[in-house]
Amino acid sequence: MAHSIQTRTRAIELLNEGYTQKKVSELLKVGTTSIKRWKKEIEEYGDIRCFYCTDNRIAPKLPYDKLLEYYEENDDELLKETALHFNCTPSAVHRACKRYKITYKKRTAIQRTKNKRP
């Protein structure tokens, strides 16, 4: 749940007045983790940001055509290698492949031979 700027600034004001994070949490009905994060934002950036910085993130969905083209050219790439290519996390690649029903290499050859029984 996104909290308003007024709630965030009020929480910081209460902290500055001497209230504990737990007491502020109870008064404003927000989690203590949120209050800690807002306090950290004030210390790092000087103000409370309404939206979190997304400069280094990519679009939430990987494009189907580019992902399919990449796997046609590099058919035995690992998730980590694919994630490096698309500048995202391996779990994002996994979700995209599952969504588009694209198969990919899951383990290296060394790992596969270790798991086989004699």
N, C-alpha and C. Protein backbone atom coordinates (compact mmCIF):
# COMPACT_ATOMS: atom_id res chain seq x y z
N MET A 1 0.84 -1.18 0.00
CA MET A 1 0.00 0.00 0.00
C MET A 1 0.89 1.24 0.00
N ALA A 2 0.60 2.16 -0.88
CA ALA A 2 1.36 3.40 -0.95
C ALA A 2 0.77 4.40 0.04
N HIS A 3 1.64 5.00 0.82
CA HIS A 3 1.21 6.00 1.78
C HIS A 3 1.41 7.39 1.21
N SER A 4 0.55 8.31 1.59
CA SER A 4 0.64 9.67 1.07
C SER A 4 1.86 10.39 1.63
N ILE A 5 2.22 11.46 0.96
CA ILE A 5 3.35 12.28 1.40
C ILE A 5 3.05 12.86 2.79
N GLN A 6 1.78 13.22 3.04
CA GLN A 6 1.41 13.77 4.35
C GLN A 6 1.67 12.77 5.47
N THR A 7 1.34 11.51 5.22
CA THR A 7 1.57 10.47 6.22
C THR A 7 3.06 10.30 6.46
N ARG A 8 3.82 10.31 5.39
CA ARG A 8 5.27 10.14 5.50
C ARG A 8 5.91 11.30 6.26
N THR A 9 5.53 12.52 5.91
CA THR A 9 6.11 13.67 6.60
C THR A 9 5.67 13.72 8.06
N ARG A 10 4.43 13.34 8.33
CA ARG A 10 3.95 13.31 9.72
C ARG A 10 4.74 12.29 10.54
N ALA A 11 5.05 11.15 9.94
CA ALA A 11 5.83 10.13 10.64
C ALA A 11 7.21 10.66 10.99
N ILE A 12 7.85 11.36 10.06
CA ILE A 12 9.18 11.91 10.32
C ILE A 12 9.10 13.00 11.38
N GLU A 13 8.04 13.83 11.33
CA GLU A 13 7.86 14.87 12.35
C GLU A 13 7.72 14.25 13.74
N LEU A 14 6.93 13.18 13.84
CA LEU A 14 6.75 12.51 15.14
C LEU A 14 8.06 11.92 15.63
N LEU A 15 8.86 11.36 14.72
CA LEU A 15 10.17 10.83 15.11
C LEU A 15 11.07 11.94 15.64
N ASN A 16 11.02 13.09 14.97
CA ASN A 16 11.83 14.22 15.40
C ASN A 16 11.37 14.79 16.74
N GLU A 17 10.08 14.63 17.05
CA GLU A 17 9.54 15.09 18.34
C GLU A 17 9.93 14.16 19.48
N GLY A 18 10.46 12.98 19.16
CA GLY A 18 10.93 12.09 20.21
C GLY A 18 10.15 10.79 20.34
N TYR A 19 9.14 10.60 19.51
CA TYR A 19 8.40 9.34 19.56
C TYR A 19 9.27 8.21 19.01
N THR A 20 9.02 7.01 19.49
CA THR A 20 9.74 5.84 18.98
C THR A 20 9.11 5.38 17.68
N GLN A 21 9.85 4.59 16.91
CA GLN A 21 9.31 4.08 15.65
C GLN A 21 8.08 3.22 15.89
N LYS A 22 8.09 2.46 16.97
CA LYS A 22 6.95 1.60 17.28
C LYS A 22 5.71 2.43 17.60
N LYS A 23 5.89 3.51 18.36
CA LYS A 23 4.76 4.37 18.73
C LYS A 23 4.20 5.09 17.50
N VAL A 24 5.09 5.57 16.63
CA VAL A 24 4.66 6.23 15.40
C VAL A 24 3.91 5.24 14.52
N SER A 25 4.39 4.01 14.48
CA SER A 25 3.73 2.96 13.72
C SER A 25 2.31 2.72 14.21
N GLU A 26 2.14 2.69 15.52
CA GLU A 26 0.81 2.48 16.10
C GLU A 26 -0.10 3.67 15.85
N LEU A 27 0.44 4.89 15.97
CA LEU A 27 -0.38 6.10 15.78
C LEU A 27 -0.87 6.25 14.35
N LEU A 28 0.02 6.02 13.40
CA LEU A 28 -0.32 6.25 11.99
C LEU A 28 -0.78 4.99 11.26
N LYS A 29 -0.74 3.86 11.96
CA LYS A 29 -1.14 2.57 11.38
C LYS A 29 -0.35 2.24 10.10
N VAL A 30 0.96 2.36 10.22
CA VAL A 30 1.87 1.95 9.15
C VAL A 30 2.92 1.03 9.76
N GLY A 31 3.59 0.28 8.93
CA GLY A 31 4.61 -0.65 9.42
C GLY A 31 5.89 0.06 9.84
N THR A 32 6.58 -0.57 10.78
CA THR A 32 7.84 0.01 11.25
C THR A 32 8.90 -0.01 10.15
N THR A 33 8.83 -0.98 9.26
CA THR A 33 9.78 -1.05 8.16
C THR A 33 9.62 0.15 7.24
N SER A 34 8.38 0.56 6.99
CA SER A 34 8.14 1.75 6.16
C SER A 34 8.73 2.98 6.82
N ILE A 35 8.55 3.10 8.12
CA ILE A 35 9.07 4.26 8.84
C ILE A 35 10.59 4.27 8.77
N LYS A 36 11.21 3.11 8.94
CA LYS A 36 12.67 3.03 8.83
C LYS A 36 13.14 3.46 7.44
N ARG A 37 12.41 3.01 6.41
CA ARG A 37 12.77 3.35 5.04
C ARG A 37 12.62 4.86 4.79
N TRP A 38 11.56 5.47 5.31
CA TRP A 38 11.36 6.91 5.13
C TRP A 38 12.45 7.70 5.85
N LYS A 39 12.81 7.23 7.02
CA LYS A 39 13.88 7.89 7.78
C LYS A 39 15.20 7.81 7.01
N LYS A 40 15.45 6.66 6.42
CA LYS A 40 16.67 6.47 5.63
C LYS A 40 16.66 7.37 4.40
N GLU A 41 15.49 7.53 3.76
CA GLU A 41 15.38 8.41 2.60
C GLU A 41 15.70 9.85 2.97
N ILE A 42 15.23 10.29 4.13
CA ILE A 42 15.53 11.65 4.59
C ILE A 42 17.03 11.81 4.78
N GLU A 43 17.67 10.82 5.39
CA GLU A 43 19.11 10.90 5.64
C GLU A 43 19.92 10.89 4.34
N GLU A 44 19.51 10.07 3.37
CA GLU A 44 20.26 9.93 2.13
C GLU A 44 19.97 11.03 1.11
N TYR A 45 18.69 11.38 0.95
CA TYR A 45 18.30 12.28 -0.13
C TYR A 45 17.86 13.66 0.34
N GLY A 46 17.58 13.82 1.63
CA GLY A 46 17.17 15.11 2.14
C GLY A 46 15.67 15.34 2.11
N ASP A 47 14.93 14.48 1.45
CA ASP A 47 13.47 14.59 1.44
C ASP A 47 12.87 13.21 1.23
N ILE A 48 11.57 13.14 1.37
CA ILE A 48 10.87 11.87 1.17
C ILE A 48 10.41 11.83 -0.27
N ARG A 49 10.79 10.78 -0.95
CA ARG A 49 10.40 10.64 -2.35
C ARG A 49 9.02 10.03 -2.44
N CYS A 50 8.22 10.53 -3.34
CA CYS A 50 6.88 9.99 -3.52
C CYS A 50 6.93 8.67 -4.28
N PHE A 51 7.80 8.60 -5.28
CA PHE A 51 7.96 7.38 -6.06
C PHE A 51 9.42 6.95 -5.97
N TYR A 52 9.63 5.66 -5.97
CA TYR A 52 10.98 5.16 -5.85
C TYR A 52 11.71 5.28 -7.17
N CYS A 53 13.00 5.48 -7.09
CA CYS A 53 13.85 5.68 -8.25
C CYS A 53 13.85 4.41 -9.11
N THR A 54 13.55 4.58 -10.38
CA THR A 54 13.54 3.44 -11.29
C THR A 54 14.50 3.64 -12.44
N ASP A 55 15.53 4.46 -12.26
CA ASP A 55 16.46 4.78 -13.33
C ASP A 55 17.20 3.54 -13.84
N ASN A 56 17.58 2.64 -12.94
CA ASN A 56 18.39 1.49 -13.33
C ASN A 56 17.57 0.26 -13.66
N ARG A 57 16.27 0.37 -13.62
CA ARG A 57 15.42 -0.79 -13.88
C ARG A 57 15.01 -0.81 -15.35
N ILE A 58 14.61 -2.00 -15.80
CA ILE A 58 14.12 -2.12 -17.17
C ILE A 58 12.61 -2.28 -17.12
N ALA A 59 12.00 -2.35 -18.27
CA ALA A 59 10.55 -2.54 -18.34
C ALA A 59 10.19 -3.86 -17.67
N PRO A 60 9.02 -3.95 -17.03
CA PRO A 60 8.68 -5.16 -16.30
C PRO A 60 8.53 -6.41 -17.16
N LYS A 61 8.24 -6.25 -18.44
CA LYS A 61 8.10 -7.42 -19.31
C LYS A 61 9.18 -7.40 -20.39
N LEU A 62 9.81 -8.54 -20.57
CA LEU A 62 10.78 -8.66 -21.66
C LEU A 62 10.01 -8.86 -22.96
N PRO A 63 10.42 -8.21 -24.04
CA PRO A 63 9.70 -8.34 -25.30
C PRO A 63 9.82 -9.75 -25.87
N TYR A 64 8.69 -10.31 -26.28
CA TYR A 64 8.64 -11.68 -26.77
C TYR A 64 9.56 -11.89 -27.97
N ASP A 65 9.48 -10.97 -28.94
CA ASP A 65 10.25 -11.17 -30.17
C ASP A 65 11.75 -11.14 -29.92
N LYS A 66 12.22 -10.23 -29.06
CA LYS A 66 13.65 -10.15 -28.78
C LYS A 66 14.13 -11.36 -27.98
N LEU A 67 13.32 -11.81 -27.03
CA LEU A 67 13.69 -12.98 -26.23
C LEU A 67 13.74 -14.23 -27.10
N LEU A 68 12.75 -14.41 -27.95
CA LEU A 68 12.72 -15.57 -28.84
C LEU A 68 13.90 -15.54 -29.81
N GLU A 69 14.18 -14.38 -30.37
CA GLU A 69 15.31 -14.23 -31.29
C GLU A 69 16.63 -14.55 -30.58
N TYR A 70 16.77 -14.08 -29.35
CA TYR A 70 17.99 -14.33 -28.58
C TYR A 70 18.19 -15.82 -28.34
N TYR A 71 17.11 -16.53 -27.97
CA TYR A 71 17.24 -17.96 -27.70
C TYR A 71 17.42 -18.78 -28.97
N GLU A 72 16.96 -18.28 -30.12
CA GLU A 72 17.21 -18.99 -31.38
C GLU A 72 18.69 -18.91 -31.74
N GLU A 73 19.31 -17.76 -31.47
CA GLU A 73 20.73 -17.59 -31.77
C GLU A 73 21.63 -18.26 -30.72
N ASN A 74 21.23 -18.20 -29.46
CA ASN A 74 22.02 -18.73 -28.35
C ASN A 74 21.18 -19.77 -27.61
N ASP A 75 21.04 -20.93 -28.20
CA ASP A 75 20.10 -21.91 -27.66
C ASP A 75 20.53 -22.56 -26.36
N ASP A 76 21.79 -22.52 -25.98
CA ASP A 76 22.18 -23.16 -24.73
C ASP A 76 22.69 -22.15 -23.70
N GLU A 77 22.11 -20.96 -23.68
CA GLU A 77 22.47 -19.94 -22.69
C GLU A 77 21.79 -20.24 -21.36
N LEU A 78 22.48 -19.94 -20.29
CA LEU A 78 21.90 -20.07 -18.96
C LEU A 78 21.06 -18.84 -18.64
N LEU A 79 20.23 -18.96 -17.62
CA LEU A 79 19.40 -17.82 -17.21
C LEU A 79 20.26 -16.62 -16.83
N LYS A 80 21.36 -16.87 -16.13
CA LYS A 80 22.24 -15.78 -15.70
C LYS A 80 22.81 -15.03 -16.91
N GLU A 81 23.23 -15.78 -17.91
CA GLU A 81 23.80 -15.17 -19.11
C GLU A 81 22.75 -14.38 -19.88
N THR A 82 21.54 -14.92 -19.95
CA THR A 82 20.46 -14.22 -20.63
C THR A 82 20.09 -12.96 -19.87
N ALA A 83 20.08 -13.04 -18.55
CA ALA A 83 19.76 -11.88 -17.73
C ALA A 83 20.80 -10.78 -17.92
N LEU A 84 22.07 -11.15 -18.03
CA LEU A 84 23.11 -10.15 -18.30
C LEU A 84 22.89 -9.47 -19.64
N HIS A 85 22.48 -10.24 -20.63
CA HIS A 85 22.25 -9.67 -21.95
C HIS A 85 21.10 -8.66 -21.92
N PHE A 86 20.02 -8.98 -21.21
CA PHE A 86 18.84 -8.11 -21.15
C PHE A 86 18.88 -7.12 -19.99
N ASN A 87 19.96 -7.14 -19.19
CA ASN A 87 20.12 -6.23 -18.05
C ASN A 87 18.96 -6.37 -17.07
N CYS A 88 18.71 -7.60 -16.65
CA CYS A 88 17.66 -7.85 -15.67
C CYS A 88 18.09 -9.01 -14.78
N THR A 89 17.20 -9.52 -13.97
CA THR A 89 17.52 -10.62 -13.08
C THR A 89 17.18 -11.95 -13.74
N PRO A 90 17.82 -13.03 -13.29
CA PRO A 90 17.47 -14.35 -13.84
C PRO A 90 16.00 -14.72 -13.60
N SER A 91 15.45 -14.29 -12.48
CA SER A 91 14.04 -14.61 -12.22
C SER A 91 13.11 -13.90 -13.21
N ALA A 92 13.49 -12.71 -13.67
CA ALA A 92 12.68 -12.01 -14.67
C ALA A 92 12.71 -12.77 -16.00
N VAL A 93 13.87 -13.31 -16.35
CA VAL A 93 13.98 -14.11 -17.58
C VAL A 93 13.15 -15.38 -17.44
N HIS A 94 13.23 -16.01 -16.27
CA HIS A 94 12.46 -17.24 -16.03
C HIS A 94 10.97 -16.98 -16.17
N ARG A 95 10.48 -15.90 -15.57
CA ARG A 95 9.05 -15.57 -15.66
C ARG A 95 8.65 -15.29 -17.10
N ALA A 96 9.50 -14.56 -17.84
CA ALA A 96 9.18 -14.25 -19.23
C ALA A 96 9.14 -15.52 -20.07
N CYS A 97 10.11 -16.40 -19.88
CA CYS A 97 10.12 -17.66 -20.63
C CYS A 97 8.90 -18.51 -20.30
N LYS A 98 8.52 -18.52 -19.06
CA LYS A 98 7.34 -19.29 -18.65
C LYS A 98 6.08 -18.68 -19.28
N ARG A 99 6.00 -17.35 -19.27
CA ARG A 99 4.84 -16.64 -19.81
C ARG A 99 4.71 -16.89 -21.31
N TYR A 100 5.85 -16.87 -22.02
CA TYR A 100 5.83 -17.04 -23.48
C TYR A 100 5.99 -18.49 -23.91
N LYS A 101 6.13 -19.41 -22.95
CA LYS A 101 6.31 -20.83 -23.22
C LYS A 101 7.56 -21.09 -24.07
N ILE A 102 8.66 -20.46 -23.66
CA ILE A 102 9.95 -20.65 -24.31
C ILE A 102 10.79 -21.54 -23.40
N THR A 103 11.40 -22.58 -23.96
CA THR A 103 12.26 -23.43 -23.15
C THR A 103 13.67 -22.87 -23.18
N TYR A 104 14.42 -23.11 -22.14
CA TYR A 104 15.76 -22.60 -22.00
C TYR A 104 16.61 -23.61 -21.27
N LYS A 105 17.93 -23.46 -21.34
CA LYS A 105 18.84 -24.36 -20.65
C LYS A 105 18.80 -24.05 -19.16
N LYS A 106 18.60 -25.08 -18.35
CA LYS A 106 18.42 -24.86 -16.93
C LYS A 106 19.69 -25.06 -16.11
N ARG A 107 20.55 -26.01 -16.51
CA ARG A 107 21.76 -26.30 -15.75
C ARG A 107 22.93 -26.50 -16.68
N THR A 108 24.11 -26.37 -16.15
CA THR A 108 25.31 -26.63 -16.95
C THR A 108 25.51 -28.13 -17.11
N ALA A 109 26.34 -28.52 -18.05
CA ALA A 109 26.60 -29.93 -18.32
C ALA A 109 27.24 -30.61 -17.11
N ILE A 110 28.09 -29.92 -16.40
CA ILE A 110 28.76 -30.49 -15.24
C ILE A 110 27.74 -30.83 -14.16
N GLN A 111 26.80 -29.96 -13.94
CA GLN A 111 25.78 -30.21 -12.92
C GLN A 111 24.90 -31.39 -13.31
N ARG A 112 24.59 -31.52 -14.60
CA ARG A 112 23.74 -32.63 -15.03
C ARG A 112 24.43 -33.97 -14.81
N THR A 113 25.71 -34.06 -15.07
CA THR A 113 26.40 -35.33 -14.90
C THR A 113 26.55 -35.68 -13.43
N LYS A 114 26.64 -34.68 -12.57
CA LYS A 114 26.75 -34.94 -11.12
C LYS A 114 25.49 -35.60 -10.59
N ASN A 115 24.33 -35.19 -11.11
CA ASN A 115 23.07 -35.65 -10.56
C ASN A 115 22.64 -37.01 -11.11
N LYS A 116 23.30 -37.53 -12.12
CA LYS A 116 22.92 -38.83 -12.67
C LYS A 116 23.41 -39.94 -11.75
N ARG A 117 22.60 -40.97 -11.65
CA ARG A 117 22.98 -42.13 -10.84
C ARG A 117 23.79 -43.11 -11.69
N PRO A 118 24.75 -43.80 -11.08
CA PRO A 118 25.56 -44.76 -11.85
C PRO A 118 24.79 -46.00 -12.25
